Amino acid sequence: RGDFIFPQSIYKNAHKGAINLHPAPPKYRGLGSQHYA
């Protein structure tokens, strides 16, 4: 649920993986998706 957008220069330093949990289905990228749903 983090709002910080990690640049590749940072997340590439995670040797096993860098993942994000996005509180919306894939059809809604970005923000405010509950309103559109």
Full PDB file with SEQRES, HELIX, SHEET, SSBOND, CRYST1, ORIGX, SCALE, CONECT and MASTER records, all heavy atoms in Angstrom:
SEQRES   1 A   37  ARG GLY ASP PHE ILE PHE PRO GLN SER ILE TYR LYS ASN          
SEQRES   2 A   37  ALA HIS LYS GLY ALA ILE ASN LEU HIS PRO ALA PRO PRO          
SEQRES   3 A   37  LYS TYR ARG GLY LEU GLY SER GLN HIS TYR ALA                  
HELIX    1 AA1 GLN A    8  TYR A   11  1                                   4    
HELIX    2 AA2 SER A   33  TYR A   36  1                                   4    
CRYST1    1.000    1.000    1.000  90.00  90.00  90.00 P 1           1          
ORIGX1      1.000000  0.000000  0.000000        0.00000                         
ORIGX2      0.000000  1.000000  0.000000        0.00000                         
ORIGX3      0.000000  0.000000  1.000000        0.00000                         
SCALE1      1.000000  0.000000  0.000000        0.00000                         
SCALE2      0.000000  1.000000  0.000000        0.00000                         
SCALE3      0.000000  0.000000  1.000000        0.00000                         
ATOM      1  N   ARG A   1       0.816  -1.206   0.000  1.00  0.00           N  
ATOM      2  CA  ARG A   1       0.000   0.000   0.000  1.00  0.00           C  
ATOM      3  C   ARG A   1       0.857   1.267   0.000  1.00  0.00           C  
ATOM      4  O   ARG A   1       0.380   2.358   0.315  1.00  0.00           O  
ATOM      5  CB  ARG A   1      -0.966   0.034   1.201  1.00  0.00           C  
ATOM      6  CG  ARG A   1      -1.858  -1.178   1.395  1.00  0.00           C  
ATOM      7  CD  ARG A   1      -2.816  -1.364   0.245  1.00  0.00           C  
ATOM      8  NE  ARG A   1      -3.702  -0.234   0.091  1.00  0.00           N  
ATOM      9  CZ  ARG A   1      -4.894  -0.128   0.701  1.00  0.00           C  
ATOM     10  NH1 ARG A   1      -5.302  -1.095   1.511  1.00  0.00           N  
ATOM     11  NH2 ARG A   1      -5.676   0.910   0.487  1.00  0.00           N  
ATOM     12  N   GLY A   2       2.156   1.138  -0.303  1.00  0.00           N  
ATOM     13  CA  GLY A   2       3.054   2.286  -0.279  1.00  0.00           C  
ATOM     14  C   GLY A   2       2.789   3.232  -1.439  1.00  0.00           C  
ATOM     15  O   GLY A   2       2.503   2.801  -2.558  1.00  0.00           O  
ATOM     16  N   ASP A   3       2.908   4.521  -1.187  1.00  0.00           N  
ATOM     17  CA  ASP A   3       2.693   5.531  -2.225  1.00  0.00           C  
ATOM     18  C   ASP A   3       3.975   5.920  -2.946  1.00  0.00           C  
ATOM     19  O   ASP A   3       3.924   6.556  -4.000  1.00  0.00           O  
ATOM     20  CB  ASP A   3       2.063   6.794  -1.612  1.00  0.00           C  
ATOM     21  CG  ASP A   3       0.602   6.594  -1.258  1.00  0.00           C  
ATOM     22  OD1 ASP A   3      -0.105   5.915  -2.031  1.00  0.00           O  
ATOM     23  OD2 ASP A   3       0.159   7.118  -0.211  1.00  0.00           O  
ATOM     24  N   PHE A   4       5.120   5.566  -2.383  1.00  0.00           N  
ATOM     25  CA  PHE A   4       6.385   5.926  -3.013  1.00  0.00           C  
ATOM     26  C   PHE A   4       6.590   5.085  -4.270  1.00  0.00           C  
ATOM     27  O   PHE A   4       6.436   3.860  -4.246  1.00  0.00           O  
ATOM     28  CB  PHE A   4       7.546   5.712  -2.042  1.00  0.00           C  
ATOM     29  CG  PHE A   4       8.880   6.146  -2.583  1.00  0.00           C  
ATOM     30  CD1 PHE A   4       9.231   7.485  -2.597  1.00  0.00           C  
ATOM     31  CD2 PHE A   4       9.780   5.211  -3.091  1.00  0.00           C  
ATOM     32  CE1 PHE A   4      10.460   7.893  -3.103  1.00  0.00           C  
ATOM     33  CE2 PHE A   4      11.005   5.600  -3.589  1.00  0.00           C  
ATOM     34  CZ  PHE A   4      11.341   6.943  -3.603  1.00  0.00           C  
ATOM     35  N   ILE A   5       6.930   5.745  -5.387  1.00  0.00           N  
ATOM     36  CA  ILE A   5       7.204   5.057  -6.638  1.00  0.00           C  
ATOM     37  C   ILE A   5       8.703   4.785  -6.710  1.00  0.00           C  
ATOM     38  O   ILE A   5       9.509   5.707  -6.866  1.00  0.00           O  
ATOM     39  CB  ILE A   5       6.750   5.883  -7.854  1.00  0.00           C  
ATOM     40  CG1 ILE A   5       5.270   6.261  -7.714  1.00  0.00           C  
ATOM     41  CG2 ILE A   5       6.997   5.106  -9.143  1.00  0.00           C  
ATOM     42  CD1 ILE A   5       4.329   5.086  -7.646  1.00  0.00           C  
ATOM     43  N   PHE A   6       9.091   3.534  -6.607  1.00  0.00           N  
ATOM     44  CA  PHE A   6      10.507   3.181  -6.599  1.00  0.00           C  
ATOM     45  C   PHE A   6      11.082   3.253  -8.008  1.00  0.00           C  
ATOM     46  O   PHE A   6      10.570   2.590  -8.927  1.00  0.00           O  
ATOM     47  CB  PHE A   6      10.702   1.759  -6.063  1.00  0.00           C  
ATOM     48  CG  PHE A   6      10.578   1.641  -4.579  1.00  0.00           C  
ATOM     49  CD1 PHE A   6       9.351   1.364  -3.998  1.00  0.00           C  
ATOM     50  CD2 PHE A   6      11.688   1.816  -3.762  1.00  0.00           C  
ATOM     51  CE1 PHE A   6       9.222   1.247  -2.620  1.00  0.00           C  
ATOM     52  CE2 PHE A   6      11.574   1.709  -2.385  1.00  0.00           C  
ATOM     53  CZ  PHE A   6      10.341   1.427  -1.814  1.00  0.00           C  
ATOM     54  N   PRO A   7      12.153   4.018  -8.198  1.00  0.00           N  
ATOM     55  CA  PRO A   7      12.846   3.983  -9.498  1.00  0.00           C  
ATOM     56  C   PRO A   7      13.612   2.681  -9.644  1.00  0.00           C  
ATOM     57  O   PRO A   7      13.962   2.028  -8.650  1.00  0.00           O  
ATOM     58  CB  PRO A   7      13.785   5.189  -9.421  1.00  0.00           C  
ATOM     59  CG  PRO A   7      14.034   5.383  -7.963  1.00  0.00           C  
ATOM     60  CD  PRO A   7      12.765   4.975  -7.262  1.00  0.00           C  
ATOM     61  N   GLN A   8      13.882   2.327 -10.871  1.00  0.00           N  
ATOM     62  CA  GLN A   8      14.595   1.082 -11.129  1.00  0.00           C  
ATOM     63  C   GLN A   8      15.973   1.067 -10.473  1.00  0.00           C  
ATOM     64  O   GLN A   8      16.469   0.007 -10.070  1.00  0.00           O  
ATOM     65  CB  GLN A   8      14.722   0.858 -12.630  1.00  0.00           C  
ATOM     66  CG  GLN A   8      15.275  -0.511 -13.024  1.00  0.00           C  
ATOM     67  CD  GLN A   8      15.252  -0.739 -14.520  1.00  0.00           C  
ATOM     68  OE1 GLN A   8      14.985   0.173 -15.290  1.00  0.00           O  
ATOM     69  NE2 GLN A   8      15.507  -1.960 -14.940  1.00  0.00           N  
ATOM     70  N   SER A   9      16.577   2.233 -10.341  1.00  0.00           N  
ATOM     71  CA  SER A   9      17.907   2.312  -9.733  1.00  0.00           C  
ATOM     72  C   SER A   9      17.903   1.848  -8.281  1.00  0.00           C  
ATOM     73  O   SER A   9      18.938   1.441  -7.751  1.00  0.00           O  
ATOM     74  CB  SER A   9      18.425   3.759  -9.803  1.00  0.00           C  
ATOM     75  OG  SER A   9      17.557   4.638  -9.101  1.00  0.00           O  
ATOM     76  N   ILE A  10      16.730   1.888  -7.638  1.00  0.00           N  
ATOM     77  CA  ILE A  10      16.621   1.411  -6.260  1.00  0.00           C  
ATOM     78  C   ILE A  10      16.144  -0.028  -6.207  1.00  0.00           C  
ATOM     79  O   ILE A  10      16.744  -0.869  -5.546  1.00  0.00           O  
ATOM     80  CB  ILE A  10      15.691   2.323  -5.437  1.00  0.00           C  
ATOM     81  CG1 ILE A  10      16.292   3.724  -5.294  1.00  0.00           C  
ATOM     82  CG2 ILE A  10      15.441   1.720  -4.046  1.00  0.00           C  
ATOM     83  CD1 ILE A  10      15.393   4.708  -4.575  1.00  0.00           C  
ATOM     84  N   TYR A  11      15.050  -0.328  -6.924  1.00  0.00           N  
ATOM     85  CA  TYR A  11      14.499  -1.676  -6.753  1.00  0.00           C  
ATOM     86  C   TYR A  11      15.373  -2.760  -7.363  1.00  0.00           C  
ATOM     87  O   TYR A  11      15.247  -3.939  -7.015  1.00  0.00           O  
ATOM     88  CB  TYR A  11      13.046  -1.772  -7.211  1.00  0.00           C  
ATOM     89  CG  TYR A  11      12.766  -1.707  -8.698  1.00  0.00           C  
ATOM     90  CD1 TYR A  11      13.072  -2.763  -9.548  1.00  0.00           C  
ATOM     91  CD2 TYR A  11      12.106  -0.596  -9.241  1.00  0.00           C  
ATOM     92  CE1 TYR A  11      12.771  -2.719 -10.899  1.00  0.00           C  
ATOM     93  CE2 TYR A  11      11.802  -0.536 -10.595  1.00  0.00           C  
ATOM     94  CZ  TYR A  11      12.126  -1.610 -11.418  1.00  0.00           C  
ATOM     95  OH  TYR A  11      11.826  -1.562 -12.758  1.00  0.00           O  
ATOM     96  N   LYS A  12      16.290  -2.381  -8.243  1.00  0.00           N  
ATOM     97  CA  LYS A  12      17.221  -3.388  -8.774  1.00  0.00           C  
ATOM     98  C   LYS A  12      18.185  -3.875  -7.694  1.00  0.00           C  
ATOM     99  O   LYS A  12      18.842  -4.910  -7.860  1.00  0.00           O  
ATOM    100  CB  LYS A  12      18.001  -2.826  -9.958  1.00  0.00           C  
ATOM    101  CG  LYS A  12      19.041  -1.780  -9.575  1.00  0.00           C  
ATOM    102  CD  LYS A  12      19.833  -1.305 -10.787  1.00  0.00           C  
ATOM    103  CE  LYS A  12      20.924  -0.304 -10.384  1.00  0.00           C  
ATOM    104  NZ  LYS A  12      21.694   0.162 -11.565  1.00  0.00           N  
ATOM    105  N   ASN A  13      18.271  -3.131  -6.571  1.00  0.00           N  
ATOM    106  CA  ASN A  13      19.147  -3.515  -5.471  1.00  0.00           C  
ATOM    107  C   ASN A  13      18.505  -4.523  -4.525  1.00  0.00           C  
ATOM    108  O   ASN A  13      19.119  -4.912  -3.534  1.00  0.00           O  
ATOM    109  CB  ASN A  13      19.575  -2.276  -4.682  1.00  0.00           C  
ATOM    110  CG  ASN A  13      20.464  -1.353  -5.491  1.00  0.00           C  
ATOM    111  OD1 ASN A  13      21.242  -1.805  -6.330  1.00  0.00           O  
ATOM    112  ND2 ASN A  13      20.354  -0.061  -5.249  1.00  0.00           N  
ATOM    113  N   ALA A  14      17.267  -4.910  -4.824  1.00  0.00           N  
ATOM    114  CA  ALA A  14      16.612  -5.985  -4.078  1.00  0.00           C  
ATOM    115  C   ALA A  14      16.936  -7.289  -4.804  1.00  0.00           C  
ATOM    116  O   ALA A  14      16.377  -7.574  -5.866  1.00  0.00           O  
ATOM    117  CB  ALA A  14      15.114  -5.749  -4.006  1.00  0.00           C  
ATOM    118  N   HIS A  15      17.825  -8.085  -4.265  1.00  0.00           N  
ATOM    119  CA  HIS A  15      18.420  -9.200  -5.004  1.00  0.00           C  
ATOM    120  C   HIS A  15      17.464 -10.365  -5.229  1.00  0.00           C  
ATOM    121  O   HIS A  15      17.627 -11.121  -6.185  1.00  0.00           O  
ATOM    122  CB  HIS A  15      19.677  -9.687  -4.279  1.00  0.00           C  
ATOM    123  CG  HIS A  15      20.706  -8.620  -4.089  1.00  0.00           C  
ATOM    124  ND1 HIS A  15      21.214  -7.885  -5.146  1.00  0.00           N  
ATOM    125  CD2 HIS A  15      21.307  -8.126  -2.966  1.00  0.00           C  
ATOM    126  CE1 HIS A  15      22.097  -7.011  -4.685  1.00  0.00           C  
ATOM    127  NE2 HIS A  15      22.167  -7.124  -3.369  1.00  0.00           N  
ATOM    128  N   LYS A  16      16.470 -10.515  -4.361  1.00  0.00           N  
ATOM    129  CA  LYS A  16      15.534 -11.632  -4.520  1.00  0.00           C  
ATOM    130  C   LYS A  16      14.202 -11.210  -5.130  1.00  0.00           C  
ATOM    131  O   LYS A  16      13.498 -12.040  -5.701  1.00  0.00           O  
ATOM    132  CB  LYS A  16      15.301 -12.324  -3.172  1.00  0.00           C  
ATOM    133  CG  LYS A  16      16.528 -13.059  -2.659  1.00  0.00           C  
ATOM    134  CD  LYS A  16      16.207 -13.929  -1.467  1.00  0.00           C  
ATOM    135  CE  LYS A  16      17.411 -14.746  -1.041  1.00  0.00           C  
ATOM    136  NZ  LYS A  16      17.110 -15.638   0.115  1.00  0.00           N  
ATOM    137  N   GLY A  17      13.854  -9.943  -5.004  1.00  0.00           N  
ATOM    138  CA  GLY A  17      12.604  -9.510  -5.600  1.00  0.00           C  
ATOM    139  C   GLY A  17      12.133  -8.172  -5.067  1.00  0.00           C  
ATOM    140  O   GLY A  17      12.486  -7.765  -3.955  1.00  0.00           O  
ATOM    141  N   ALA A  18      11.350  -7.482  -5.882  1.00  0.00           N  
ATOM    142  CA  ALA A  18      10.738  -6.211  -5.496  1.00  0.00           C  
ATOM    143  C   ALA A  18       9.296  -6.256  -5.982  1.00  0.00           C  
ATOM    144  O   ALA A  18       9.041  -6.333  -7.186  1.00  0.00           O  
ATOM    145  CB  ALA A  18      11.477  -5.037  -6.121  1.00  0.00           C  
ATOM    146  N   ILE A  19       8.363  -6.247  -5.034  1.00  0.00           N  
ATOM    147  CA  ILE A  19       6.958  -6.441  -5.372  1.00  0.00           C  
ATOM    148  C   ILE A  19       6.090  -5.337  -4.784  1.00  0.00           C  
ATOM    149  O   ILE A  19       6.486  -4.648  -3.838  1.00  0.00           O  
ATOM    150  CB  ILE A  19       6.450  -7.816  -4.901  1.00  0.00           C  
ATOM    151  CG1 ILE A  19       6.483  -7.917  -3.368  1.00  0.00           C  
ATOM    152  CG2 ILE A  19       7.276  -8.934  -5.525  1.00  0.00           C  
ATOM    153  CD1 ILE A  19       5.892  -9.220  -2.833  1.00  0.00           C  
ATOM    154  N   ASN A  20       4.918  -5.186  -5.367  1.00  0.00           N  
ATOM    155  CA  ASN A  20       3.960  -4.175  -4.926  1.00  0.00           C  
ATOM    156  C   ASN A  20       2.590  -4.805  -4.762  1.00  0.00           C  
ATOM    157  O   ASN A  20       2.190  -5.656  -5.560  1.00  0.00           O  
ATOM    158  CB  ASN A  20       3.878  -3.040  -5.953  1.00  0.00           C  
ATOM    159  CG  ASN A  20       2.850  -1.984  -5.572  1.00  0.00           C  
ATOM    160  OD1 ASN A  20       2.904  -1.421  -4.483  1.00  0.00           O  
ATOM    161  ND2 ASN A  20       1.904  -1.720  -6.451  1.00  0.00           N  
ATOM    162  N   LEU A  21       1.885  -4.397  -3.720  1.00  0.00           N  
ATOM    163  CA  LEU A  21       0.503  -4.814  -3.535  1.00  0.00           C  
ATOM    164  C   LEU A  21      -0.396  -3.629  -3.856  1.00  0.00           C  
ATOM    165  O   LEU A  21      -0.378  -2.613  -3.170  1.00  0.00           O  
ATOM    166  CB  LEU A  21       0.267  -5.337  -2.129  1.00  0.00           C  
ATOM    167  CG  LEU A  21       0.900  -6.727  -1.932  1.00  0.00           C  
ATOM    168  CD1 LEU A  21       2.164  -6.628  -1.106  1.00  0.00           C  
ATOM    169  CD2 LEU A  21      -0.084  -7.701  -1.310  1.00  0.00           C  
ATOM    170  N   HIS A  22      -1.146  -3.786  -4.930  1.00  0.00           N  
ATOM    171  CA  HIS A  22      -1.973  -2.726  -5.502  1.00  0.00           C  
ATOM    172  C   HIS A  22      -3.428  -3.021  -5.156  1.00  0.00           C  
ATOM    173  O   HIS A  22      -3.968  -4.055  -5.573  1.00  0.00           O  
ATOM    174  CB  HIS A  22      -1.759  -2.709  -7.018  1.00  0.00           C  
ATOM    175  CG  HIS A  22      -2.660  -1.796  -7.775  1.00  0.00           C  
ATOM    176  ND1 HIS A  22      -2.694  -0.434  -7.576  1.00  0.00           N  
ATOM    177  CD2 HIS A  22      -3.559  -2.058  -8.769  1.00  0.00           C  
ATOM    178  CE1 HIS A  22      -3.567   0.108  -8.406  1.00  0.00           C  
ATOM    179  NE2 HIS A  22      -4.111  -0.855  -9.136  1.00  0.00           N  
ATOM    180  N   PRO A  23      -4.100  -2.150  -4.397  1.00  0.00           N  
ATOM    181  CA  PRO A  23      -5.451  -2.450  -3.926  1.00  0.00           C  
ATOM    182  C   PRO A  23      -6.528  -2.217  -4.987  1.00  0.00           C  
ATOM    183  O   PRO A  23      -7.470  -1.443  -4.787  1.00  0.00           O  
ATOM    184  CB  PRO A  23      -5.609  -1.495  -2.740  1.00  0.00           C  
ATOM    185  CG  PRO A  23      -4.794  -0.303  -3.123  1.00  0.00           C  
ATOM    186  CD  PRO A  23      -3.604  -0.864  -3.867  1.00  0.00           C  
ATOM    187  N   ALA A  24      -6.372  -2.890  -6.104  1.00  0.00           N  
ATOM    188  CA  ALA A  24      -7.331  -2.801  -7.205  1.00  0.00           C  
ATOM    189  C   ALA A  24      -7.055  -3.957  -8.155  1.00  0.00           C  
ATOM    190  O   ALA A  24      -5.951  -4.502  -8.167  1.00  0.00           O  
ATOM    191  CB  ALA A  24      -7.204  -1.470  -7.942  1.00  0.00           C  
ATOM    192  N   PRO A  25      -8.023  -4.331  -8.980  1.00  0.00           N  
ATOM    193  CA  PRO A  25      -7.775  -5.377  -9.979  1.00  0.00           C  
ATOM    194  C   PRO A  25      -6.921  -4.843 -11.120  1.00  0.00           C  
ATOM    195  O   PRO A  25      -6.772  -3.625 -11.276  1.00  0.00           O  
ATOM    196  CB  PRO A  25      -9.190  -5.743 -10.451  1.00  0.00           C  
ATOM    197  CG  PRO A  25      -9.997  -4.511 -10.221  1.00  0.00           C  
ATOM    198  CD  PRO A  25      -9.429  -3.875  -8.994  1.00  0.00           C  
ATOM    199  N   PRO A  26      -6.360  -5.717 -11.940  1.00  0.00           N  
ATOM    200  CA  PRO A  26      -5.446  -5.274 -13.001  1.00  0.00           C  
ATOM    201  C   PRO A  26      -6.058  -4.306 -14.000  1.00  0.00           C  
ATOM    202  O   PRO A  26      -5.323  -3.537 -14.632  1.00  0.00           O  
ATOM    203  CB  PRO A  26      -5.041  -6.588 -13.691  1.00  0.00           C  
ATOM    204  CG  PRO A  26      -5.228  -7.637 -12.641  1.00  0.00           C  
ATOM    205  CD  PRO A  26      -6.405  -7.194 -11.846  1.00  0.00           C  
ATOM    206  N   LYS A  27      -7.372  -4.323 -14.179  1.00  0.00           N  
ATOM    207  CA  LYS A  27      -8.002  -3.423 -15.148  1.00  0.00           C  
ATOM    208  C   LYS A  27      -7.849  -1.965 -14.738  1.00  0.00           C  
ATOM    209  O   LYS A  27      -7.973  -1.070 -15.578  1.00  0.00           O  
ATOM    210  CB  LYS A  27      -9.475  -3.767 -15.341  1.00  0.00           C  
ATOM    211  CG  LYS A  27     -10.343  -3.533 -14.123  1.00  0.00           C  
ATOM    212  CD  LYS A  27     -11.788  -3.968 -14.342  1.00  0.00           C  
ATOM    213  CE  LYS A  27     -12.517  -3.059 -15.302  1.00  0.00           C  
ATOM    214  NZ  LYS A  27     -13.965  -3.412 -15.394  1.00  0.00           N  
ATOM    215  N   TYR A  28      -7.596  -1.722 -13.445  1.00  0.00           N  
ATOM    216  CA  TYR A  28      -7.457  -0.359 -12.940  1.00  0.00           C  
ATOM    217  C   TYR A  28      -6.026  -0.129 -12.461  1.00  0.00           C  
ATOM    218  O   TYR A  28      -5.685  -0.397 -11.319  1.00  0.00           O  
ATOM    219  CB  TYR A  28      -8.427  -0.101 -11.795  1.00  0.00           C  
ATOM    220  CG  TYR A  28      -9.886  -0.123 -12.181  1.00  0.00           C  
ATOM    221  CD1 TYR A  28     -10.763  -1.056 -11.634  1.00  0.00           C  
ATOM    222  CD2 TYR A  28     -10.397   0.792 -13.101  1.00  0.00           C  
ATOM    223  CE1 TYR A  28     -12.100  -1.077 -11.980  1.00  0.00           C  
ATOM    224  CE2 TYR A  28     -11.730   0.782 -13.464  1.00  0.00           C  
ATOM    225  CZ  TYR A  28     -12.582  -0.156 -12.896  1.00  0.00           C  
ATOM    226  OH  TYR A  28     -13.905  -0.172 -13.261  1.00  0.00           O  
ATOM    227  N   ARG A  29      -5.191   0.364 -13.325  1.00  0.00           N  
ATOM    228  CA  ARG A  29      -3.854   0.788 -12.933  1.00  0.00           C  
ATOM    229  C   ARG A  29      -3.963   2.191 -12.324  1.00  0.00           C  
ATOM    230  O   ARG A  29      -4.801   2.996 -12.727  1.00  0.00           O  
ATOM    231  CB  ARG A  29      -2.934   0.827 -14.147  1.00  0.00           C  
ATOM    232  CG  ARG A  29      -2.752  -0.496 -14.862  1.00  0.00           C  
ATOM    233  CD  ARG A  29      -2.019  -0.314 -16.176  1.00  0.00           C  
ATOM    234  NE  ARG A  29      -0.730   0.326 -15.999  1.00  0.00           N  
ATOM    235  CZ  ARG A  29      -0.198   1.184 -16.866  1.00  0.00           C  
ATOM    236  NH1 ARG A  29      -0.865   1.530 -17.968  1.00  0.00           N  
ATOM    237  NH2 ARG A  29       0.978   1.715 -16.629  1.00  0.00           N  
ATOM    238  N   GLY A  30      -3.099   2.505 -11.356  1.00  0.00           N  
ATOM    239  CA  GLY A  30      -3.083   3.852 -10.810  1.00  0.00           C  
ATOM    240  C   GLY A  30      -3.998   4.038  -9.613  1.00  0.00           C  
ATOM    241  O   GLY A  30      -4.204   3.119  -8.829  1.00  0.00           O  
ATOM    242  N   LEU A  31      -4.579   5.248  -9.515  1.00  0.00           N  
ATOM    243  CA  LEU A  31      -5.293   5.664  -8.309  1.00  0.00           C  
ATOM    244  C   LEU A  31      -6.786   5.896  -8.550  1.00  0.00           C  
ATOM    245  O   LEU A  31      -7.211   6.158  -9.671  1.00  0.00           O  
ATOM    246  CB  LEU A  31      -4.665   6.944  -7.761  1.00  0.00           C  
ATOM    247  CG  LEU A  31      -3.189   6.852  -7.355  1.00  0.00           C  
ATOM    248  CD1 LEU A  31      -2.656   8.232  -6.988  1.00  0.00           C  
ATOM    249  CD2 LEU A  31      -3.022   5.898  -6.186  1.00  0.00           C  
ATOM    250  N   GLY A  32      -7.535   5.809  -7.444  1.00  0.00           N  
ATOM    251  CA  GLY A  32      -8.953   6.166  -7.492  1.00  0.00           C  
ATOM    252  C   GLY A  32      -9.861   5.121  -8.080  1.00  0.00           C  
ATOM    253  O   GLY A  32     -11.016   5.404  -8.406  1.00  0.00           O  
ATOM    254  N   SER A  33      -9.371   3.890  -8.197  1.00  0.00           N  
ATOM    255  CA  SER A  33     -10.122   2.878  -8.940  1.00  0.00           C  
ATOM    256  C   SER A  33     -11.444   2.504  -8.300  1.00  0.00           C  
ATOM    257  O   SER A  33     -12.379   2.095  -8.993  1.00  0.00           O  
ATOM    258  CB  SER A  33      -9.263   1.625  -9.108  1.00  0.00           C  
ATOM    259  OG  SER A  33      -8.817   1.148  -7.855  1.00  0.00           O  
ATOM    260  N   GLN A  34     -11.567   2.654  -6.973  1.00  0.00           N  
ATOM    261  CA  GLN A  34     -12.826   2.282  -6.341  1.00  0.00           C  
ATOM    262  C   GLN A  34     -13.974   3.156  -6.834  1.00  0.00           C  
ATOM    263  O   GLN A  34     -15.118   2.703  -6.960  1.00  0.00           O  
ATOM    264  CB  GLN A  34     -12.715   2.335  -4.809  1.00  0.00           C  
ATOM    265  CG  GLN A  34     -12.560   3.723  -4.209  1.00  0.00           C  
ATOM    266  CD  GLN A  34     -11.112   4.152  -4.110  1.00  0.00           C  
ATOM    267  OE1 GLN A  34     -10.247   3.609  -4.798  1.00  0.00           O  
ATOM    268  NE2 GLN A  34     -10.829   5.115  -3.263  1.00  0.00           N  
ATOM    269  N   HIS A  35     -13.689   4.405  -7.169  1.00  0.00           N  
ATOM    270  CA  HIS A  35     -14.720   5.307  -7.681  1.00  0.00           C  
ATOM    271  C   HIS A  35     -15.191   4.863  -9.066  1.00  0.00           C  
ATOM    272  O   HIS A  35     -16.388   4.862  -9.360  1.00  0.00           O  
ATOM    273  CB  HIS A  35     -14.187   6.739  -7.745  1.00  0.00           C  
ATOM    274  CG  HIS A  35     -13.753   7.270  -6.422  1.00  0.00           C  
ATOM    275  ND1 HIS A  35     -14.633   7.772  -5.488  1.00  0.00           N  
ATOM    276  CD2 HIS A  35     -12.509   7.367  -5.853  1.00  0.00           C  
ATOM    277  CE1 HIS A  35     -13.964   8.165  -4.420  1.00  0.00           C  
ATOM    278  NE2 HIS A  35     -12.680   7.924  -4.608  1.00  0.00           N  
ATOM    279  N   TYR A  36     -14.241   4.487  -9.895  1.00  0.00           N  
ATOM    280  CA  TYR A  36     -14.595   4.042 -11.241  1.00  0.00           C  
ATOM    281  C   TYR A  36     -15.329   2.708 -11.200  1.00  0.00           C  
ATOM    282  O   TYR A  36     -16.256   2.474 -11.994  1.00  0.00           O  
ATOM    283  CB  TYR A  36     -13.334   3.932 -12.107  1.00  0.00           C  
ATOM    284  CG  TYR A  36     -12.586   5.236 -12.235  1.00  0.00           C  
ATOM    285  CD1 TYR A  36     -11.381   5.453 -11.573  1.00  0.00           C  
ATOM    286  CD2 TYR A  36     -13.099   6.280 -13.017  1.00  0.00           C  
ATOM    287  CE1 TYR A  36     -10.699   6.646 -11.687  1.00  0.00           C  
ATOM    288  CE2 TYR A  36     -12.418   7.485 -13.137  1.00  0.00           C  
ATOM    289  CZ  TYR A  36     -11.216   7.662 -12.464  1.00  0.00           C  
ATOM    290  OH  TYR A  36     -10.545   8.859 -12.571  1.00  0.00           O  
ATOM    291  N   ALA A  37     -14.933   1.827 -10.301  1.00  0.00           N  
ATOM    292  CA  ALA A  37     -15.605   0.531 -10.192  1.00  0.00           C  
ATOM    293  C   ALA A  37     -17.074   0.707  -9.818  1.00  0.00           C  
ATOM    294  O   ALA A  37     -17.947   0.011 -10.355  1.00  0.00           O  
ATOM    295  CB  ALA A  37     -14.891  -0.340  -9.159  1.00  0.00           C  
TER     296      ALA A  37                                                      
MASTER        0    0    0    2    0    0    0    6  295    1    0    3          
END                                                                             
